[in-house]
């Protein structure tokens, strides 16, 4: 009996350690109703698809990094390019120490295809403005729409996403009024069942004080 109890205790310890390791580094909570003070938009987004829900960083945190869901180039088929954007949110103390071990991730609507890239972090501070790369309307077949994104950090650093080559960069959004970007909403086209699925087409960012 004693041996059985000892084995069960050891098993619980192992499971507990596994859960801790899997959950370390991220906080799942988010604040969809968090108050924001301004919106950031760009003029070169496209009209296809539907807007997802606004998703906000947890209270007291701001986006200091991002990652992208990108479909790799496949010759002769529909390349939907940028399918999703994640914001990675930290508090001000973490931004000053460049410690990104404790962060929350938020995203709005995403497309079905692609893999998530590694996180790109501001050296210090938070994301404050963005720039979108978009492929213009082709008339038929493969319109990839949004293909990549850049962000400005409050320390002046510019972070370039690991998107695709096609398309043209538009103009920078306005810069955040407040500490930094704290939320996101994306416009995504659902699968069309043919060779023209444009996936992510437009983005709105939110700024908090």
N, C-alpha and C. Protein backbone atom coordinates (compact mmCIF):
# COMPACT_ATOMS: atom_id res chain seq x y z
N UNK A 1 0.83 -1.20 0.00
CA UNK A 1 0.00 0.00 0.00
C UNK A 1 0.87 1.26 0.00
N UNK A 2 1.89 1.22 0.87
CA UNK A 2 2.80 2.36 0.94
C UNK A 2 3.50 2.59 -0.40
N UNK A 3 3.89 1.48 -1.05
CA UNK A 3 4.56 1.57 -2.35
C UNK A 3 3.63 2.18 -3.39
N UNK A 4 2.34 1.78 -3.36
CA UNK A 4 1.35 2.30 -4.31
C UNK A 4 1.16 3.81 -4.14
N UNK A 5 1.06 4.26 -2.87
CA UNK A 5 0.88 5.70 -2.58
C UNK A 5 2.10 6.48 -3.06
N UNK A 6 3.28 5.91 -2.84
CA UNK A 6 4.51 6.58 -3.26
C UNK A 6 4.56 6.72 -4.78
N UNK A 7 4.13 5.66 -5.49
CA UNK A 7 4.11 5.72 -6.96
C UNK A 7 3.12 6.77 -7.45
N UNK A 8 1.93 6.83 -6.83
CA UNK A 8 0.93 7.81 -7.23
C UNK A 8 1.42 9.23 -6.98
N UNK A 9 2.08 9.46 -5.87
CA UNK A 9 2.63 10.79 -5.56
C UNK A 9 3.66 11.20 -6.59
N UNK A 10 4.54 10.25 -6.96
CA UNK A 10 5.57 10.54 -7.97
C UNK A 10 4.93 10.89 -9.30
N UNK A 11 3.87 10.16 -9.66
CA UNK A 11 3.17 10.42 -10.92
C UNK A 11 2.56 11.81 -10.93
N UNK A 12 1.94 12.21 -9.81
CA UNK A 12 1.34 13.53 -9.72
C UNK A 12 2.39 14.63 -9.82
N UNK A 13 3.54 14.41 -9.23
CA UNK A 13 4.62 15.39 -9.31
C UNK A 13 5.07 15.57 -10.76
N UNK A 14 5.23 14.43 -11.47
CA UNK A 14 5.66 14.48 -12.87
C UNK A 14 4.64 15.23 -13.73
N UNK A 15 3.36 14.90 -13.54
CA UNK A 15 2.31 15.58 -14.30
C UNK A 15 2.31 17.07 -14.00
N UNK A 16 2.47 17.41 -12.72
CA UNK A 16 2.49 18.82 -12.33
C UNK A 16 3.63 19.57 -12.98
N UNK A 17 4.81 18.94 -13.04
CA UNK A 17 5.95 19.56 -13.68
C UNK A 17 5.72 19.75 -15.17
N UNK A 18 5.10 18.76 -15.81
CA UNK A 18 4.82 18.86 -17.24
C UNK A 18 3.86 20.01 -17.52
N UNK A 19 2.81 20.11 -16.72
CA UNK A 19 1.84 21.20 -16.90
C UNK A 19 2.51 22.55 -16.70
N UNK A 20 3.37 22.65 -15.66
CA UNK A 20 4.06 23.90 -15.40
C UNK A 20 4.95 24.28 -16.57
N UNK A 21 5.66 23.29 -17.13
CA UNK A 21 6.56 23.57 -18.24
C UNK A 21 5.79 24.02 -19.48
N UNK A 22 4.61 23.40 -19.69
CA UNK A 22 3.84 23.73 -20.88
C UNK A 22 3.19 25.11 -20.77
N UNK A 23 2.86 25.53 -19.55
CA UNK A 23 2.16 26.80 -19.38
C UNK A 23 3.09 27.95 -19.05
N UNK A 24 4.35 27.67 -18.74
CA UNK A 24 5.27 28.73 -18.36
C UNK A 24 5.48 29.70 -19.51
N UNK A 25 5.56 30.99 -19.16
CA UNK A 25 5.88 32.00 -20.17
C UNK A 25 4.67 32.70 -20.75
N UNK A 26 3.47 32.18 -20.58
CA UNK A 26 2.31 32.84 -21.13
C UNK A 26 1.20 32.94 -20.09
N UNK A 27 0.41 34.00 -20.23
CA UNK A 27 -0.76 34.18 -19.39
C UNK A 27 -1.98 34.15 -20.30
N UNK A 28 -2.91 33.23 -20.09
CA UNK A 28 -4.00 33.05 -21.03
C UNK A 28 -5.06 34.14 -20.97
N UNK A 29 -5.12 34.92 -19.87
CA UNK A 29 -6.21 35.88 -19.74
C UNK A 29 -6.08 37.00 -20.76
N UNK A 30 -7.19 37.55 -21.17
CA UNK A 30 -7.22 38.69 -22.08
C UNK A 30 -8.35 39.61 -21.64
N UNK A 31 -8.43 40.79 -22.23
CA UNK A 31 -9.42 41.78 -21.82
C UNK A 31 -10.15 42.32 -23.05
N UNK A 32 -11.12 41.55 -23.60
CA UNK A 32 -11.78 41.98 -24.84
C UNK A 32 -12.52 43.30 -24.71
N UNK A 33 -12.93 43.68 -23.50
CA UNK A 33 -13.66 44.93 -23.29
C UNK A 33 -12.78 46.05 -22.74
N UNK A 34 -11.49 45.87 -22.77
CA UNK A 34 -10.56 46.89 -22.27
C UNK A 34 -10.75 48.21 -23.03
N UNK A 35 -10.72 49.31 -22.31
CA UNK A 35 -10.91 50.61 -22.93
C UNK A 35 -9.66 51.01 -23.71
N UNK A 36 -9.85 51.53 -24.92
CA UNK A 36 -8.74 52.02 -25.72
C UNK A 36 -8.97 53.49 -26.04
N UNK A 37 -7.89 54.19 -26.41
CA UNK A 37 -8.00 55.63 -26.64
C UNK A 37 -7.91 56.03 -28.10
N UNK A 38 -7.41 55.13 -28.96
CA UNK A 38 -7.34 55.45 -30.39
C UNK A 38 -7.21 54.18 -31.21
N UNK A 39 -7.52 54.29 -32.51
CA UNK A 39 -7.38 53.20 -33.46
C UNK A 39 -6.31 53.55 -34.49
N UNK A 40 -5.57 52.55 -34.92
CA UNK A 40 -4.59 52.71 -35.99
C UNK A 40 -5.06 51.94 -37.21
N UNK A 41 -5.11 52.60 -38.36
CA UNK A 41 -5.51 51.96 -39.61
C UNK A 41 -4.53 52.34 -40.71
N UNK A 42 -4.57 51.57 -41.81
CA UNK A 42 -3.80 51.90 -43.01
C UNK A 42 -4.76 51.96 -44.19
N UNK A 43 -4.33 52.62 -45.25
CA UNK A 43 -5.23 52.88 -46.38
C UNK A 43 -5.19 51.81 -47.47
N UNK A 44 -4.29 50.84 -47.36
CA UNK A 44 -4.13 49.88 -48.46
C UNK A 44 -4.71 48.50 -48.17
N UNK A 45 -5.53 48.36 -47.13
CA UNK A 45 -6.19 47.08 -46.90
C UNK A 45 -7.27 46.82 -47.94
N UNK A 46 -7.69 45.54 -48.06
CA UNK A 46 -8.70 45.19 -49.05
C UNK A 46 -10.04 44.87 -48.39
N UNK A 47 -11.11 44.86 -49.24
CA UNK A 47 -12.48 44.81 -48.73
C UNK A 47 -13.01 43.40 -48.55
N UNK A 48 -12.32 42.37 -49.01
CA UNK A 48 -12.85 41.02 -48.94
C UNK A 48 -12.81 40.48 -47.51
N UNK A 49 -13.79 39.63 -47.21
CA UNK A 49 -13.81 38.98 -45.91
C UNK A 49 -14.61 39.73 -44.87
N UNK A 50 -14.64 39.18 -43.67
CA UNK A 50 -15.39 39.75 -42.56
C UNK A 50 -14.44 40.10 -41.41
N UNK A 51 -14.80 41.15 -40.68
CA UNK A 51 -14.01 41.53 -39.53
C UNK A 51 -14.25 40.57 -38.37
N UNK A 52 -13.17 40.17 -37.72
CA UNK A 52 -13.27 39.35 -36.53
C UNK A 52 -13.55 40.22 -35.31
N UNK A 53 -13.53 39.60 -34.14
CA UNK A 53 -13.74 40.33 -32.90
C UNK A 53 -12.49 41.11 -32.52
N UNK A 54 -12.69 42.22 -31.82
CA UNK A 54 -11.56 42.95 -31.27
C UNK A 54 -11.01 42.16 -30.10
N UNK A 55 -9.70 41.94 -30.09
CA UNK A 55 -9.04 41.20 -29.02
C UNK A 55 -7.99 42.10 -28.39
N UNK A 56 -8.05 42.22 -27.06
CA UNK A 56 -7.21 43.16 -26.33
C UNK A 56 -6.24 42.45 -25.38
N UNK A 57 -5.06 43.04 -25.23
CA UNK A 57 -4.10 42.55 -24.25
C UNK A 57 -4.70 42.64 -22.84
N UNK A 58 -4.26 41.80 -21.91
CA UNK A 58 -4.72 41.91 -20.53
C UNK A 58 -4.45 43.31 -19.98
N UNK A 59 -5.29 43.77 -19.06
CA UNK A 59 -5.12 45.09 -18.46
C UNK A 59 -3.72 45.30 -17.91
N UNK A 60 -3.14 46.46 -18.19
CA UNK A 60 -1.81 46.77 -17.70
C UNK A 60 -0.68 46.28 -18.58
N UNK A 61 -1.01 45.59 -19.69
CA UNK A 61 0.02 45.11 -20.61
C UNK A 61 -0.19 45.72 -21.99
N UNK A 62 0.89 45.70 -22.78
CA UNK A 62 0.87 46.27 -24.13
C UNK A 62 1.71 45.37 -25.04
N UNK A 63 1.44 45.45 -26.33
CA UNK A 63 2.14 44.58 -27.28
C UNK A 63 3.58 45.04 -27.46
N UNK A 64 4.51 44.13 -27.21
CA UNK A 64 5.93 44.41 -27.41
C UNK A 64 6.53 43.49 -28.45
N UNK A 65 5.74 42.55 -28.96
CA UNK A 65 6.22 41.61 -29.97
C UNK A 65 5.06 41.10 -30.79
N UNK A 66 5.40 40.41 -31.88
CA UNK A 66 4.36 39.85 -32.75
C UNK A 66 4.89 38.63 -33.49
N UNK A 67 3.97 37.82 -33.97
CA UNK A 67 4.31 36.69 -34.84
C UNK A 67 3.22 36.59 -35.90
N UNK A 68 3.56 35.94 -37.01
CA UNK A 68 2.65 35.87 -38.17
C UNK A 68 2.35 34.43 -38.54
N UNK A 69 1.15 34.19 -39.03
CA UNK A 69 0.79 32.90 -39.62
C UNK A 69 0.90 33.07 -41.13
N UNK A 70 1.85 32.39 -41.75
CA UNK A 70 2.18 32.61 -43.16
C UNK A 70 2.14 31.29 -43.93
N UNK A 71 1.49 31.32 -45.08
CA UNK A 71 1.51 30.15 -45.96
C UNK A 71 2.68 30.27 -46.92
N UNK A 72 3.50 29.25 -46.97
CA UNK A 72 4.67 29.26 -47.84
C UNK A 72 4.26 29.20 -49.31
N UNK A 73 5.16 29.65 -50.16
CA UNK A 73 4.91 29.64 -51.61
C UNK A 73 4.80 28.20 -52.12
N UNK A 74 3.73 27.93 -52.87
CA UNK A 74 3.53 26.64 -53.52
C UNK A 74 3.25 26.91 -54.98
N UNK A 75 4.15 26.49 -55.85
CA UNK A 75 4.04 26.83 -57.27
C UNK A 75 2.75 26.29 -57.89
N UNK A 76 2.06 27.16 -58.62
CA UNK A 76 0.91 26.74 -59.40
C UNK A 76 -0.39 26.62 -58.62
N UNK A 77 -0.39 27.01 -57.35
CA UNK A 77 -1.62 26.92 -56.57
C UNK A 77 -1.91 28.26 -55.90
N UNK A 78 -2.94 28.28 -55.08
CA UNK A 78 -3.35 29.50 -54.41
C UNK A 78 -2.47 29.76 -53.19
N UNK A 79 -1.70 30.83 -53.25
CA UNK A 79 -0.84 31.20 -52.14
C UNK A 79 -1.49 32.34 -51.36
N UNK A 80 -2.05 32.02 -50.20
CA UNK A 80 -2.82 33.04 -49.49
C UNK A 80 -1.95 33.93 -48.61
N UNK A 81 -0.69 33.63 -48.52
CA UNK A 81 0.27 34.50 -47.84
C UNK A 81 -0.03 34.70 -46.37
N UNK A 82 -0.31 35.96 -45.96
CA UNK A 82 -0.50 36.26 -44.55
C UNK A 82 -1.89 35.84 -44.10
N UNK A 83 -1.95 34.93 -43.13
CA UNK A 83 -3.23 34.40 -42.64
C UNK A 83 -3.57 34.81 -41.22
N UNK A 84 -2.62 35.34 -40.49
CA UNK A 84 -2.93 35.73 -39.12
C UNK A 84 -1.81 36.53 -38.48
N UNK A 85 -2.18 37.30 -37.45
CA UNK A 85 -1.22 38.11 -36.69
C UNK A 85 -1.50 37.91 -35.21
N UNK A 86 -0.45 37.62 -34.45
CA UNK A 86 -0.56 37.55 -33.00
C UNK A 86 0.22 38.70 -32.37
N UNK A 87 -0.36 39.32 -31.38
CA UNK A 87 0.34 40.29 -30.57
C UNK A 87 0.75 39.63 -29.26
N UNK A 88 1.96 39.91 -28.80
CA UNK A 88 2.47 39.34 -27.56
C UNK A 88 2.68 40.49 -26.58
N UNK A 89 1.99 40.41 -25.45
CA UNK A 89 1.80 41.55 -24.55
C UNK A 89 2.54 41.36 -23.23
N UNK A 90 3.22 42.43 -22.80
CA UNK A 90 3.95 42.41 -21.54
C UNK A 90 3.64 43.70 -20.77
N UNK A 91 4.02 43.74 -19.49
CA UNK A 91 3.80 44.96 -18.71
C UNK A 91 5.02 45.87 -18.82
N UNK A 92 4.90 47.06 -18.24
CA UNK A 92 5.95 48.07 -18.40
C UNK A 92 7.25 47.64 -17.74
N UNK A 93 7.18 46.98 -16.61
CA UNK A 93 8.39 46.54 -15.93
C UNK A 93 9.17 45.56 -16.79
N UNK A 94 8.45 44.63 -17.43
CA UNK A 94 9.11 43.66 -18.31
C UNK A 94 9.75 44.35 -19.51
N UNK A 95 9.09 45.41 -20.04
CA UNK A 95 9.63 46.11 -21.21
C UNK A 95 10.92 46.84 -20.87
N UNK A 96 11.05 47.32 -19.65
CA UNK A 96 12.26 48.03 -19.24
C UNK A 96 13.43 47.08 -19.03
N UNK A 97 13.12 45.86 -18.62
CA UNK A 97 14.18 44.89 -18.33
C UNK A 97 14.44 43.94 -19.50
N UNK A 98 13.68 44.11 -20.59
CA UNK A 98 13.77 43.20 -21.75
C UNK A 98 13.54 41.76 -21.35
N UNK A 99 12.70 41.55 -20.33
CA UNK A 99 12.37 40.20 -19.87
C UNK A 99 11.02 39.79 -20.45
N UNK A 100 11.06 38.82 -21.37
CA UNK A 100 9.84 38.44 -22.07
C UNK A 100 9.40 37.01 -21.71
N UNK A 101 9.71 36.60 -20.47
CA UNK A 101 9.35 35.24 -20.05
C UNK A 101 7.87 35.14 -19.66
N UNK A 102 7.28 36.28 -19.32
CA UNK A 102 5.90 36.29 -18.86
C UNK A 102 5.09 37.19 -19.79
N UNK A 103 4.34 36.59 -20.70
CA UNK A 103 3.61 37.38 -21.68
C UNK A 103 2.28 36.71 -22.02
N UNK A 104 1.38 37.51 -22.56
CA UNK A 104 0.09 37.01 -23.02
C UNK A 104 0.01 37.20 -24.53
N UNK A 105 -0.62 36.28 -25.23
CA UNK A 105 -0.76 36.37 -26.68
C UNK A 105 -2.23 36.54 -27.05
N UNK A 106 -2.51 37.47 -27.94
CA UNK A 106 -3.88 37.70 -28.41
C UNK A 106 -3.88 37.77 -29.93
N UNK A 107 -4.98 37.34 -30.52
CA UNK A 107 -5.14 37.44 -31.97
C UNK A 107 -6.62 37.56 -32.28
N UNK A 108 -6.91 38.17 -33.42
CA UNK A 108 -8.28 38.22 -33.91
C UNK A 108 -8.46 37.06 -34.90
N UNK A 109 -9.36 37.22 -35.86
CA UNK A 109 -9.63 36.16 -36.84
C UNK A 109 -8.37 35.79 -37.60
N UNK A 110 -8.21 34.48 -37.91
CA UNK A 110 -7.06 34.02 -38.71
C UNK A 110 -7.56 33.10 -39.81
N UNK A 111 -6.77 33.01 -40.91
CA UNK A 111 -7.07 32.08 -41.99
C UNK A 111 -6.63 30.67 -41.63
N UNK A 112 -7.01 29.73 -42.50
CA UNK A 112 -6.80 28.32 -42.19
C UNK A 112 -5.38 27.83 -42.47
N UNK A 113 -4.65 28.52 -43.33
CA UNK A 113 -3.40 27.95 -43.83
C UNK A 113 -2.18 28.59 -43.20
N UNK A 114 -1.06 27.87 -43.28
CA UNK A 114 0.22 28.43 -42.88
C UNK A 114 0.69 27.99 -41.51
N UNK A 115 1.91 28.43 -41.18
CA UNK A 115 2.55 28.14 -39.91
C UNK A 115 2.92 29.45 -39.23
N UNK A 116 2.95 29.42 -37.89
CA UNK A 116 3.31 30.62 -37.14
C UNK A 116 4.82 30.80 -37.12
N UNK A 117 5.26 32.04 -37.35
CA UNK A 117 6.68 32.36 -37.31
C UNK A 117 7.13 32.58 -35.86
N UNK A 118 8.44 32.71 -35.69
CA UNK A 118 8.98 33.04 -34.37
C UNK A 118 8.56 34.46 -33.98
N UNK A 119 8.57 34.72 -32.68
CA UNK A 119 8.20 36.05 -32.18
C UNK A 119 9.33 37.04 -32.43
N UNK A 120 8.96 38.23 -32.90
CA UNK A 120 9.91 39.35 -33.00
C UNK A 120 9.56 40.35 -31.89
N UNK A 121 10.56 40.69 -31.07
CA UNK A 121 10.35 41.56 -29.91
C UNK A 121 11.01 42.92 -30.10
N UNK A 122 10.38 43.96 -29.56
CA UNK A 122 11.05 45.25 -29.42
C UNK A 122 12.20 45.10 -28.42
N UNK A 123 13.35 45.73 -28.69
CA UNK A 123 14.43 45.67 -27.70
C UNK A 123 14.01 46.27 -26.36
N UNK A 124 13.17 47.29 -26.41
CA UNK A 124 12.56 47.87 -25.21
C UNK A 124 11.29 48.60 -25.64
N UNK A 125 10.42 48.86 -24.70
CA UNK A 125 9.19 49.58 -25.04
C UNK A 125 8.16 48.71 -25.71
N UNK A 126 7.23 49.36 -26.44
CA UNK A 126 6.08 48.67 -27.03
C UNK A 126 5.89 49.05 -28.50
N UNK A 127 5.07 48.26 -29.19
CA UNK A 127 4.71 48.56 -30.57
C UNK A 127 3.84 49.81 -30.61
N UNK A 128 4.12 50.73 -31.55
CA UNK A 128 3.39 52.01 -31.57
C UNK A 128 2.79 52.36 -32.94
N UNK A 129 3.17 51.68 -34.01
CA UNK A 129 2.63 51.97 -35.34
C UNK A 129 2.89 50.76 -36.23
N UNK A 130 2.16 50.67 -37.37
CA UNK A 130 2.37 49.54 -38.26
C UNK A 130 2.23 49.94 -39.72
N UNK A 131 2.74 49.07 -40.58
CA UNK A 131 2.77 49.27 -42.03
C UNK A 131 2.43 47.94 -42.68
N UNK A 132 1.54 47.95 -43.66
CA UNK A 132 1.05 46.69 -44.26
C UNK A 132 1.51 46.57 -45.70
N UNK A 133 1.92 45.37 -46.08
CA UNK A 133 2.29 45.05 -47.46
C UNK A 133 1.14 44.29 -48.09
N UNK A 134 0.62 44.79 -49.22
CA UNK A 134 -0.58 44.22 -49.82
C UNK A 134 -0.38 44.05 -51.33
N UNK A 135 -0.80 42.90 -51.84
CA UNK A 135 -0.80 42.68 -53.28
C UNK A 135 -2.08 43.24 -53.88
N UNK A 136 -1.95 44.03 -54.93
CA UNK A 136 -3.11 44.64 -55.56
C UNK A 136 -3.98 43.60 -56.24
N UNK A 137 -5.20 43.98 -56.51
CA UNK A 137 -6.17 43.11 -57.18
C UNK A 137 -5.63 42.67 -58.54
N UNK A 138 -5.65 41.36 -58.80
CA UNK A 138 -5.08 40.79 -60.02
C UNK A 138 -6.10 40.57 -61.13
N UNK A 139 -7.40 40.70 -60.81
CA UNK A 139 -8.42 40.50 -61.83
C UNK A 139 -8.97 39.09 -61.86
N UNK A 140 -8.19 38.11 -61.45
CA UNK A 140 -8.62 36.71 -61.41
C UNK A 140 -7.58 35.91 -60.65
N UNK A 141 -7.90 34.65 -60.45
CA UNK A 141 -6.96 33.69 -59.88
C UNK A 141 -6.48 34.11 -58.50
N UNK A 142 -5.15 34.22 -58.31
CA UNK A 142 -4.55 34.29 -56.98
C UNK A 142 -4.33 35.73 -56.53
N UNK A 143 -5.17 36.22 -55.65
CA UNK A 143 -4.98 37.53 -55.03
C UNK A 143 -4.59 37.30 -53.58
N UNK A 144 -3.33 37.55 -53.25
CA UNK A 144 -2.87 37.19 -51.91
C UNK A 144 -3.17 38.26 -50.88
N UNK A 145 -3.57 39.46 -51.31
CA UNK A 145 -3.89 40.55 -50.38
C UNK A 145 -2.73 40.82 -49.43
N UNK A 146 -2.98 40.88 -48.11
CA UNK A 146 -1.90 41.22 -47.17
C UNK A 146 -0.83 40.13 -47.18
N UNK A 147 0.42 40.56 -47.35
CA UNK A 147 1.51 39.60 -47.41
C UNK A 147 2.53 39.74 -46.30
N UNK A 148 2.57 40.92 -45.65
CA UNK A 148 3.56 41.11 -44.59
C UNK A 148 3.19 42.36 -43.79
N UNK A 149 3.88 42.55 -42.68
CA UNK A 149 3.62 43.70 -41.82
C UNK A 149 4.93 44.14 -41.16
N UNK A 150 5.06 45.45 -40.93
CA UNK A 150 6.14 46.02 -40.14
C UNK A 150 5.53 46.74 -38.94
N UNK A 151 6.30 46.81 -37.86
CA UNK A 151 5.91 47.57 -36.68
C UNK A 151 7.04 48.51 -36.28
N UNK A 152 6.66 49.67 -35.74
CA UNK A 152 7.61 50.56 -35.08
C UNK A 152 7.49 50.35 -33.58
N UNK A 153 8.64 50.34 -32.90
CA UNK A 153 8.67 50.27 -31.45
C UNK A 153 8.86 51.67 -30.88
N UNK A 154 8.48 51.84 -29.62
CA UNK A 154 8.61 53.15 -28.99
C UNK A 154 10.06 53.58 -28.81
N UNK A 155 11.01 52.64 -28.91
CA UNK A 155 12.43 53.01 -28.83
C UNK A 155 13.01 53.36 -30.19
N UNK A 156 12.17 53.37 -31.25
CA UNK A 156 12.62 53.72 -32.59
C UNK A 156 12.96 52.53 -33.48
N UNK A 157 13.01 51.35 -32.93
CA UNK A 157 13.31 50.15 -33.72
C UNK A 157 12.16 49.82 -34.67
N UNK A 158 12.50 49.35 -35.87
CA UNK A 158 11.50 48.86 -36.83
C UNK A 158 11.64 47.35 -36.95
N UNK A 159 10.53 46.63 -36.75
CA UNK A 159 10.52 45.17 -36.84
C UNK A 159 9.79 44.76 -38.12
N UNK A 160 10.42 43.92 -38.92
CA UNK A 160 9.84 43.46 -40.18
C UNK A 160 9.40 42.01 -40.03
N UNK A 161 8.16 41.71 -40.39
CA UNK A 161 7.64 40.36 -40.29
C UNK A 161 8.24 39.42 -41.32
N UNK A 162 8.06 38.13 -41.09
CA UNK A 162 8.57 37.11 -42.01
C UNK A 162 7.47 36.69 -42.97
N UNK A 163 6.94 37.67 -43.73
CA UNK A 163 5.87 37.42 -44.69
C UNK A 163 6.42 37.05 -46.05
N UNK A 164 5.66 37.39 -47.11
CA UNK A 164 6.04 37.01 -48.47
C UNK A 164 6.56 38.22 -49.25
N UNK A 165 7.07 37.96 -50.47
CA UNK A 165 7.70 39.00 -51.28
C UNK A 165 6.71 39.82 -52.08
N UNK A 166 5.55 39.24 -52.46
CA UNK A 166 4.64 39.93 -53.35
C UNK A 166 3.94 41.09 -52.66
N UNK A 167 3.57 42.08 -53.50
CA UNK A 167 2.81 43.21 -52.98
C UNK A 167 3.67 44.45 -52.78
N UNK A 168 3.02 45.51 -52.34
CA UNK A 168 3.68 46.79 -52.14
C UNK A 168 3.39 47.30 -50.72
N UNK A 169 4.40 47.93 -50.15
CA UNK A 169 4.21 48.54 -48.84
C UNK A 169 3.39 49.82 -48.99
N UNK A 170 2.45 50.01 -48.09
CA UNK A 170 1.66 51.24 -48.07
C UNK A 170 2.32 52.29 -47.20
N UNK A 171 1.51 53.17 -46.61
CA UNK A 171 2.02 54.20 -45.72
C UNK A 171 1.88 53.74 -44.26
N UNK A 172 2.70 54.32 -43.40
CA UNK A 172 2.63 54.02 -41.99
C UNK A 172 1.30 54.50 -41.41
N UNK A 173 0.80 53.77 -40.47
CA UNK A 173 -0.34 54.25 -39.70
C UNK A 173 0.09 55.44 -38.85
N UNK A 174 -0.85 56.07 -38.20
CA UNK A 174 -0.49 57.06 -37.19
C UNK A 174 0.23 56.36 -36.04
N UNK A 175 0.88 57.12 -35.20
CA UNK A 175 1.55 56.58 -34.02
C UNK A 175 0.60 56.62 -32.83
N UNK A 176 0.69 55.62 -31.97
CA UNK A 176 -0.20 55.51 -30.82
C UNK A 176 -0.18 56.76 -29.95
N UNK A 177 -1.36 57.15 -29.52
CA UNK A 177 -1.49 58.14 -28.46
C UNK A 177 -1.61 57.34 -27.16
N UNK A 178 -0.57 57.33 -26.38
CA UNK A 178 -0.55 56.50 -25.18
C UNK A 178 0.71 55.68 -25.13
N UNK A 179 0.71 54.63 -24.32
CA UNK A 179 1.91 53.81 -24.16
C UNK A 179 2.22 52.97 -25.38
N UNK A 180 1.18 52.39 -26.00
CA UNK A 180 1.45 51.53 -27.15
C UNK A 180 0.23 50.75 -27.59
N UNK A 181 0.44 49.90 -28.58
CA UNK A 181 -0.63 49.06 -29.11
C UNK A 181 -1.06 48.05 -28.05
N UNK A 182 -2.36 47.89 -27.91
CA UNK A 182 -2.87 46.99 -26.86
C UNK A 182 -3.95 46.05 -27.38
N UNK A 183 -4.26 46.08 -28.69
CA UNK A 183 -5.31 45.23 -29.22
C UNK A 183 -5.28 45.16 -30.74
N UNK A 184 -6.06 44.22 -31.28
CA UNK A 184 -6.04 43.98 -32.72
C UNK A 184 -7.41 43.48 -33.19
N UNK A 185 -7.74 43.84 -34.43
CA UNK A 185 -8.89 43.25 -35.12
C UNK A 185 -8.49 43.05 -36.58
N UNK A 186 -8.80 41.87 -37.14
CA UNK A 186 -8.38 41.56 -38.50
C UNK A 186 -9.57 41.21 -39.38
N UNK A 187 -9.42 41.49 -40.67
CA UNK A 187 -10.44 41.15 -41.66
C UNK A 187 -9.92 39.97 -42.49
N UNK A 188 -10.65 38.86 -42.46
CA UNK A 188 -10.18 37.61 -43.07
C UNK A 188 -11.27 37.03 -43.96
N UNK A 189 -10.88 36.60 -45.16
CA UNK A 189 -11.80 35.94 -46.07
C UNK A 189 -11.78 34.44 -45.82
N UNK A 190 -12.95 33.85 -45.69
CA UNK A 190 -13.06 32.42 -45.48
C UNK A 190 -12.71 31.66 -46.76
N UNK A 191 -12.40 30.34 -46.65
CA UNK A 191 -12.12 29.54 -47.84
C UNK A 191 -13.25 29.62 -48.86
N UNK A 192 -12.90 29.85 -50.12
CA UNK A 192 -13.89 30.02 -51.18
C UNK A 192 -14.15 28.73 -51.97
N UNK A 193 -13.32 27.73 -51.74
CA UNK A 193 -13.52 26.47 -52.46
C UNK A 193 -12.96 26.48 -53.86
N UNK A 194 -12.17 27.49 -54.20
CA UNK A 194 -11.52 27.53 -55.52
C UNK A 194 -10.12 28.10 -55.37
N UNK A 195 -9.57 28.66 -56.45
CA UNK A 195 -8.16 29.05 -56.42
C UNK A 195 -7.92 30.48 -55.93
N UNK A 196 -8.92 31.13 -55.39
CA UNK A 196 -8.74 32.52 -54.97
C UNK A 196 -9.20 32.73 -53.53
N UNK A 197 -8.36 32.39 -52.59
CA UNK A 197 -8.64 32.61 -51.18
C UNK A 197 -7.64 33.64 -50.66
N UNK A 198 -8.13 34.84 -50.36
CA UNK A 198 -7.20 35.92 -50.04
C UNK A 198 -6.81 35.98 -48.57
N UNK A 199 -7.52 35.24 -47.71
CA UNK A 199 -7.20 35.19 -46.27
C UNK A 199 -7.19 36.57 -45.64
N UNK A 200 -6.10 36.97 -44.95
CA UNK A 200 -6.11 38.22 -44.21
C UNK A 200 -5.99 39.41 -45.16
N UNK A 201 -6.92 40.36 -45.02
CA UNK A 201 -6.98 41.48 -45.96
C UNK A 201 -6.77 42.86 -45.33
N UNK A 202 -7.06 43.00 -44.04
CA UNK A 202 -6.93 44.31 -43.43
C UNK A 202 -6.77 44.16 -41.91
N UNK A 203 -6.28 45.20 -41.27
CA UNK A 203 -5.98 45.15 -39.84
C UNK A 203 -6.33 46.49 -39.19
N UNK A 204 -6.85 46.44 -37.99
CA UNK A 204 -6.98 47.61 -37.12
C UNK A 204 -6.24 47.32 -35.82
N UNK A 205 -5.42 48.24 -35.39
CA UNK A 205 -4.74 48.14 -34.10
C UNK A 205 -5.34 49.15 -33.13
N UNK A 206 -5.29 48.83 -31.84
CA UNK A 206 -5.86 49.70 -30.81
C UNK A 206 -4.76 50.14 -29.84
N UNK A 207 -4.85 51.38 -29.39
CA UNK A 207 -3.85 51.94 -28.48
C UNK A 207 -4.47 52.23 -27.13
N UNK A 208 -3.72 51.95 -26.06
CA UNK A 208 -4.20 52.19 -24.69
C UNK A 208 -3.27 53.14 -23.97
N UNK A 209 -3.84 53.84 -22.99
CA UNK A 209 -3.07 54.80 -22.21
C UNK A 209 -2.45 54.09 -21.02
